[in-house]
């Protein structure tokens, strides 16, 4: 297969793709951003909690 045929086939294939609407893209982006913020908050909270637990263990306050 030569290069020109490859590009023709690629263009033909892209014309058959069902592209999402702008609203669908924005909705998906919003969902991803909300998930990232939520995951960031959970990770931060776990870091604070485990950091404090380790600090207390190292200071000898537990056990």
Protein backbone atom coordinates (compact mmCIF):
# COMPACT_ATOMS: atom_id res chain seq x y z
CA UNK A 1 0.00 0.00 0.00
CA UNK A 2 1.49 3.32 -0.96
CA UNK A 3 1.38 6.46 1.14
CA UNK A 4 -1.24 8.28 -0.97
CA UNK A 5 -3.64 5.34 -0.74
CA UNK A 6 -3.09 5.20 3.01
CA UNK A 7 -4.11 8.85 3.40
CA UNK A 8 -7.15 8.36 1.15
CA UNK A 9 -8.27 5.37 3.20
CA UNK A 10 -7.66 7.27 6.44
CA UNK A 11 -9.74 10.21 5.23
CA UNK A 12 -12.55 7.89 4.15
CA UNK A 13 -12.51 6.14 7.51
CA UNK A 14 -12.62 9.46 9.40
CA UNK A 15 -15.68 10.50 7.42
CA UNK A 16 -17.51 7.45 8.81
CA UNK A 17 -16.69 8.28 12.43
CA UNK A 18 -19.62 9.35 14.59
CA UNK A 19 -18.14 12.44 16.21
CA UNK A 20 -19.56 13.64 19.56
CA UNK A 21 -21.50 16.88 19.73
CA UNK A 22 -20.10 19.91 21.51
CA UNK A 23 -22.52 19.31 24.40
CA UNK A 24 -21.32 15.71 24.77
CA UNK A 25 -17.68 16.81 24.81
CA UNK A 26 -18.40 19.47 27.44
CA UNK A 27 -20.37 16.99 29.56
CA UNK A 28 -17.54 14.46 29.40
CA UNK A 29 -14.97 17.11 30.24
CA UNK A 30 -17.03 18.25 33.21
CA UNK A 31 -17.31 14.68 34.49
CA UNK A 32 -13.56 14.17 34.20
CA UNK A 33 -12.79 17.43 36.01
CA UNK A 34 -15.19 16.60 38.85
CA UNK A 35 -13.62 13.15 39.19
CA UNK A 36 -10.09 14.60 39.22
CA UNK A 37 -11.00 17.17 41.90
CA UNK A 38 -12.71 14.49 44.03
CA UNK A 39 -9.76 12.11 43.69
CA UNK A 40 -7.35 14.93 44.55
CA UNK A 41 -9.31 15.74 47.72
CA UNK A 42 -9.43 12.08 48.79
CA UNK A 43 -5.69 11.70 48.19
CA UNK A 44 -4.93 14.89 50.11
CA UNK A 45 -7.14 13.79 53.03
CA UNK A 46 -5.46 10.36 53.17
CA UNK A 47 -2.04 12.05 53.10
CA UNK A 48 -2.98 14.28 56.04
CA UNK A 49 -4.44 11.42 58.08
CA UNK A 50 -1.61 8.96 57.46
CA UNK A 51 1.00 11.67 57.94
CA UNK A 52 -0.44 12.52 61.35
CA UNK A 53 -0.65 8.84 62.34
CA UNK A 54 2.97 8.26 61.36
CA UNK A 55 4.04 11.44 63.17
CA UNK A 56 2.28 10.23 66.35
CA UNK A 57 3.89 6.78 66.05
CA UNK A 58 7.35 8.29 65.64
CA UNK A 59 6.82 10.58 68.63
CA UNK A 60 5.89 7.56 70.74
CA UNK A 61 2.40 8.79 71.59
CA UNK A 62 0.76 5.58 70.40
CA UNK A 63 1.45 2.24 72.05
